[in-house]
């Protein structure tokens, strides 16, 4: 159950990043992040009644709210990186940092996956590194470093989002995500007002790509949180960290971004990692 949900989250996250990255290039990363967060909140509130009864505690709401701070900050950095650099580089770089943080946290918190799962986790990190191996244009070396710094920073922050979600109780249902969104949306609204002006909060900003991205992102969050209820943080994080595969495939097919040999090998290694972790 956890394996299927984690892989579903990976596919949805990767697709959301691709669509959101396109939207960020057409408008602005901050407005795209704000719009996708609003869309995700609506999707979550609609889905809540269909996902069973829950009994969240104040602790669950608190951890969810803290997760929302990191989630909101992470998505802004991610969209800035996706808008400025090639998606086939940004997505796996972000995933590397986003995977390492919760994997290490899971081990520190006492989780002990089996030997084969540990090998799979290590292989998944190797896969992400291979997928990241793409040369940055020599004419844009400084810009490339800035994009990678944004991607790594956003990934590390996302990793903390996942860690704090994991601290919520199994009986909390999806309420921690509600707390997260009711924290991130106002924070992003303040940033939008400060940088873009009050008029930027108008609903017409919720165009189709932003709505699709926000819907996919929330679907991924839901799958991820439910996966955590049935599996270990280190394992779920490792599988979810394979999400750059779908981003890269979409970028290659839709944007004609060239896929180099190390990235092709990385995709194959990622598939092997998923099998090892699932055993």
Protein backbone atom coordinates (compact mmCIF):
# COMPACT_ATOMS: atom_id res chain seq x y z
CA UNK A 1 0.00 0.00 0.00
CA UNK A 2 2.69 2.50 1.02
CA UNK A 3 4.79 1.62 -2.05
CA UNK A 4 1.93 2.25 -4.49
CA UNK A 5 0.94 5.50 -2.79
CA UNK A 6 4.54 6.76 -2.67
CA UNK A 7 5.05 6.04 -6.38
CA UNK A 8 1.72 7.70 -7.16
CA UNK A 9 2.88 10.74 -5.20
CA UNK A 10 6.13 10.75 -7.17
CA UNK A 11 4.29 10.76 -10.50
CA UNK A 12 1.93 13.51 -9.38
CA UNK A 13 4.73 15.68 -7.92
CA UNK A 14 6.78 15.38 -11.09
CA UNK A 15 3.85 16.26 -13.33
CA UNK A 16 2.88 19.17 -11.06
CA UNK A 17 6.40 20.56 -11.23
CA UNK A 18 6.40 20.43 -15.03
CA UNK A 19 3.06 22.22 -15.40
CA UNK A 20 3.88 24.66 -12.61
CA UNK A 21 7.25 25.40 -14.15
CA UNK A 22 5.59 26.30 -17.45
CA UNK A 23 3.13 28.56 -15.62
CA UNK A 24 5.95 30.25 -13.70
CA UNK A 25 7.72 31.08 -16.96
CA UNK A 26 4.57 32.71 -18.35
CA UNK A 27 3.59 34.75 -15.28
CA UNK A 28 5.81 34.82 -12.21
CA UNK A 29 7.04 32.14 -9.80
CA UNK A 30 5.43 33.80 -6.79
CA UNK A 31 2.01 34.19 -8.42
CA UNK A 32 2.17 30.63 -9.70
CA UNK A 33 3.02 29.32 -6.25
CA UNK A 34 0.22 31.35 -4.67
CA UNK A 35 -2.33 30.22 -7.25
CA UNK A 36 -1.38 26.56 -6.97
CA UNK A 37 -1.60 26.71 -3.18
CA UNK A 38 -5.14 28.14 -3.35
CA UNK A 39 -6.16 25.49 -5.89
CA UNK A 40 -4.70 22.75 -3.73
CA UNK A 41 -6.59 24.00 -0.69
CA UNK A 42 -9.89 23.86 -2.60
CA UNK A 43 -9.11 20.32 -3.83
CA UNK A 44 -8.24 19.24 -0.30
CA UNK A 45 -11.44 20.63 1.22
CA UNK A 46 -13.51 18.88 -1.48
CA UNK A 47 -11.70 15.55 -0.90
CA UNK A 48 -11.88 15.60 2.90
CA UNK A 49 -15.43 14.16 3.30
CA UNK A 50 -14.58 11.18 1.08
CA UNK A 51 -11.47 10.06 2.97
CA UNK A 52 -12.94 8.85 6.23
CA UNK A 53 -13.30 10.09 9.79
CA UNK A 54 -10.31 11.60 11.58
CA UNK A 55 -9.59 12.79 15.11
CA UNK A 56 -6.69 15.28 14.93
CA UNK A 57 -5.07 16.62 18.08
CA UNK A 58 -3.71 20.14 18.69
CA UNK A 59 -0.25 18.62 18.17
CA UNK A 60 -1.26 17.47 14.68
CA UNK A 61 -2.46 20.95 13.77
CA UNK A 62 0.74 22.48 15.13
CA UNK A 63 3.02 20.19 13.13
CA UNK A 64 0.83 20.72 10.07
CA UNK A 65 1.11 24.49 10.42
CA UNK A 66 4.91 24.32 10.70
CA UNK A 67 4.99 22.04 7.66
CA UNK A 68 2.95 24.67 5.81
CA UNK A 69 5.60 27.31 6.42
CA UNK A 70 8.25 25.09 4.83
CA UNK A 71 5.93 23.94 2.05
CA UNK A 72 5.05 27.49 1.04
CA UNK A 73 8.68 28.64 1.07
CA UNK A 74 9.82 25.53 -0.78
CA UNK A 75 7.37 25.88 -3.64
CA UNK A 76 8.33 29.51 -4.23
CA UNK A 77 12.02 28.59 -4.52
CA UNK A 78 11.18 25.60 -6.70
CA UNK A 79 9.12 27.63 -9.17
CA UNK A 80 11.81 30.30 -9.31
CA UNK A 81 14.33 27.62 -10.21
CA UNK A 82 12.01 25.97 -12.75
CA UNK A 83 11.32 29.34 -14.39
CA UNK A 84 15.02 30.18 -14.68
CA UNK A 85 16.66 26.87 -15.56
CA UNK A 86 16.13 23.61 -17.46
CA UNK A 87 13.54 21.41 -15.78
CA UNK A 88 15.63 18.31 -16.45
CA UNK A 89 18.26 19.74 -14.08
CA UNK A 90 16.12 21.59 -11.54
CA UNK A 91 13.69 18.76 -10.75
CA UNK A 92 16.26 16.07 -9.86
CA UNK A 93 18.45 18.54 -7.99
CA UNK A 94 15.48 19.51 -5.85
CA UNK A 95 14.56 15.86 -5.39
CA UNK A 96 18.06 14.98 -4.17
CA UNK A 97 17.82 17.47 -1.30
CA UNK A 98 14.15 16.71 -0.64
CA UNK A 99 14.94 12.98 -0.34
CA UNK A 100 18.07 13.18 1.78
CA UNK A 101 16.52 15.31 4.55
CA UNK A 102 13.58 12.99 5.44
CA UNK A 103 15.64 9.83 4.86
CA UNK A 104 18.24 10.99 7.38
CA UNK A 105 15.48 12.16 9.72
CA UNK A 106 13.81 8.76 9.53
CA UNK A 107 17.02 6.97 10.46
CA UNK A 108 17.74 9.45 13.29
CA UNK A 109 14.21 8.91 14.62
CA UNK A 110 14.90 5.20 14.87
CA UNK A 111 13.48 3.75 11.67
CA UNK A 112 15.35 0.68 10.48
CA UNK A 113 14.39 -0.48 6.98
CA UNK A 114 15.49 -3.97 5.96
CA UNK A 115 18.88 -4.52 4.26
CA UNK A 116 17.36 -4.73 0.76
CA UNK A 117 15.33 -1.55 1.38
CA UNK A 118 18.49 0.23 2.57
CA UNK A 119 20.19 -0.78 -0.68
CA UNK A 120 17.17 0.49 -2.59
CA UNK A 121 17.31 3.83 -0.78
CA UNK A 122 21.01 4.20 -1.62
CA UNK A 123 20.34 3.25 -5.24
CA UNK A 124 17.53 5.80 -5.44
CA UNK A 125 19.94 8.55 -4.38
CA UNK A 126 22.40 7.37 -7.02
CA UNK A 127 19.57 7.55 -9.56
CA UNK A 128 18.80 11.14 -8.64
CA UNK A 129 22.48 12.10 -8.91
CA UNK A 130 22.71 10.49 -12.36
CA UNK A 131 19.55 12.22 -13.55
CA UNK A 132 21.07 15.51 -12.39
CA UNK A 133 24.18 15.05 -14.55
CA UNK A 134 23.60 17.61 -17.26
CA UNK A 135 26.09 20.23 -18.36
CA UNK A 136 25.15 23.82 -17.77
CA UNK A 137 25.86 26.17 -20.65
CA UNK A 138 29.25 27.84 -20.28
CA UNK A 139 27.66 31.18 -21.23
CA UNK A 140 25.29 30.88 -18.28
CA UNK A 141 27.58 29.36 -15.68
CA UNK A 142 26.82 31.91 -12.96
CA UNK A 143 23.07 31.73 -13.66
CA UNK A 144 23.37 27.95 -13.60
CA UNK A 145 24.93 28.02 -10.15
CA UNK A 146 22.15 30.30 -8.90
CA UNK A 147 19.49 27.97 -10.30
CA UNK A 148 21.12 24.96 -8.67
CA UNK A 149 21.34 26.85 -5.37
CA UNK A 150 17.61 27.66 -5.58
CA UNK A 151 16.83 24.04 -6.42
CA UNK A 152 18.92 22.66 -3.56
CA UNK A 153 17.50 25.19 -1.10
CA UNK A 154 13.93 24.51 -2.19
CA UNK A 155 14.52 20.76 -1.97
CA UNK A 156 15.94 20.94 1.54
CA UNK A 157 12.97 23.02 2.67
CA UNK A 158 10.56 20.56 1.08
CA UNK A 159 12.37 17.83 2.97
CA UNK A 160 11.50 19.57 6.23
CA UNK A 161 7.88 19.82 5.04
CA UNK A 162 7.83 16.02 4.69
CA UNK A 163 9.52 15.51 8.06
CA UNK A 164 6.99 17.63 9.95
CA UNK A 165 4.07 15.94 8.21
CA UNK A 166 5.48 12.63 9.42
CA UNK A 167 5.30 13.85 13.02
CA UNK A 168 1.49 13.99 12.88
CA UNK A 169 -0.54 11.12 14.31
CA UNK A 170 -2.06 8.28 12.32
CA UNK A 171 -5.55 9.34 13.42
CA UNK A 172 -5.18 12.90 12.14
CA UNK A 173 -6.34 12.07 8.62
CA UNK A 174 -5.70 14.89 6.19
CA UNK A 175 -6.20 17.66 8.74
CA UNK A 176 -2.43 18.37 8.98
CA UNK A 177 -2.54 19.28 5.27
CA UNK A 178 -5.44 21.63 5.97
CA UNK A 179 -3.41 23.29 8.71
CA UNK A 180 -0.44 23.48 6.35
CA UNK A 181 -2.44 25.23 3.64
CA UNK A 182 -4.17 27.61 6.02
CA UNK A 183 -0.65 28.64 7.02
CA UNK A 184 1.06 28.77 3.61
CA UNK A 185 -1.72 30.57 1.70
CA UNK A 186 -1.78 33.68 3.96
CA UNK A 187 2.02 33.79 4.01
CA UNK A 188 2.20 33.70 0.23
CA UNK A 189 -0.61 36.25 0.00
CA UNK A 190 1.49 38.66 2.08
CA UNK A 191 4.48 38.08 -0.21
CA UNK A 192 2.36 38.67 -3.30
CA UNK A 193 0.94 41.92 -1.89
CA UNK A 194 4.41 43.08 -0.95
CA UNK A 195 6.09 42.24 -4.27
CA UNK A 196 3.31 42.28 -6.86
CA UNK A 197 0.57 44.46 -5.41
CA UNK A 198 -2.97 43.84 -4.20
CA UNK A 199 -4.39 43.41 -7.72
CA UNK A 200 -2.25 40.32 -8.22
CA UNK A 201 -4.51 38.47 -5.78
CA UNK A 202 -7.41 38.54 -8.24
CA UNK A 203 -8.91 35.16 -9.15
CA UNK A 204 -8.18 35.48 -12.91
CA UNK A 205 -4.60 34.61 -11.97
CA UNK A 206 -5.87 31.03 -11.49
CA UNK A 207 -5.38 30.02 -15.12
CA UNK A 208 -5.50 26.44 -16.38
CA UNK A 209 -1.81 25.50 -15.85
CA UNK A 210 -1.87 26.85 -12.30
CA UNK A 211 -5.08 24.94 -11.52
CA UNK A 212 -3.67 21.71 -12.98
CA UNK A 213 -0.40 22.14 -11.10
CA UNK A 214 -2.15 22.87 -7.80
CA UNK A 215 -4.49 19.91 -8.22
CA UNK A 216 -1.66 17.50 -9.00
CA UNK A 217 0.44 18.86 -6.13
CA UNK A 218 -2.35 18.34 -3.61
CA UNK A 219 -3.08 14.86 -4.98
CA UNK A 220 0.60 14.09 -4.42
CA UNK A 221 0.47 15.48 -0.88
CA UNK A 222 -2.55 13.33 -0.07
CA UNK A 223 -0.90 10.18 -1.44
CA UNK A 224 2.31 11.01 0.43
CA UNK A 225 0.61 11.59 3.78
CA UNK A 226 -1.46 8.40 3.50
CA UNK A 227 1.68 6.50 2.49
CA UNK A 228 3.36 7.71 5.68
CA UNK A 229 0.51 6.15 7.68
CA UNK A 230 1.36 2.75 6.20
CA UNK A 231 5.14 2.86 5.77
CA UNK A 232 8.44 4.19 7.07
CA UNK A 233 9.49 7.78 6.40
CA UNK A 234 12.85 6.76 4.88
CA UNK A 235 11.25 4.33 2.42
CA UNK A 236 8.34 6.60 1.42
CA UNK A 237 10.68 9.58 0.99
CA UNK A 238 13.09 7.56 -1.16
CA UNK A 239 10.33 6.41 -3.51
CA UNK A 240 8.71 9.83 -3.69
CA UNK A 241 12.13 11.29 -4.46
CA UNK A 242 12.01 9.50 -7.81
CA UNK A 243 9.52 12.10 -9.06
CA UNK A 244 12.01 13.85 -11.41
CA UNK A 245 11.55 10.94 -13.84
CA UNK A 246 8.11 12.20 -14.91
CA UNK A 247 9.30 15.83 -15.02
CA UNK A 248 12.21 14.91 -17.28
CA UNK A 249 10.12 12.79 -19.61
CA UNK A 250 7.58 15.61 -19.97
CA UNK A 251 10.31 18.22 -20.48
CA UNK A 252 11.95 16.08 -23.13
CA UNK A 253 8.75 15.37 -25.02
CA UNK A 254 7.08 18.77 -24.69
CA UNK A 255 9.99 21.22 -24.45
CA UNK A 256 12.56 19.25 -26.46
CA UNK A 257 15.05 19.35 -23.60
CA UNK A 258 17.78 16.90 -24.49
CA UNK A 259 18.19 13.84 -22.31
CA UNK A 260 21.85 12.87 -21.92
CA UNK A 261 23.17 9.34 -21.41
CA UNK A 262 23.70 9.67 -17.62
CA UNK A 263 20.10 10.77 -17.25
CA UNK A 264 18.85 7.81 -19.29
CA UNK A 265 20.91 5.51 -17.06
CA UNK A 266 19.54 7.33 -14.02
CA UNK A 267 15.97 6.61 -15.07
CA UNK A 268 16.82 2.91 -15.35
CA UNK A 269 18.53 2.95 -11.95
CA UNK A 270 15.46 4.68 -10.50
CA UNK A 271 13.27 1.81 -11.69
CA UNK A 272 15.66 -0.68 -10.04
CA UNK A 273 15.54 1.32 -6.80
CA UNK A 274 11.74 1.20 -6.75
CA UNK A 275 11.83 -2.59 -7.15
CA UNK A 276 14.41 -3.03 -4.35
CA UNK A 277 12.47 -0.88 -1.92
CA UNK A 278 9.24 -2.68 -2.76
CA UNK A 279 10.70 -6.14 -2.02
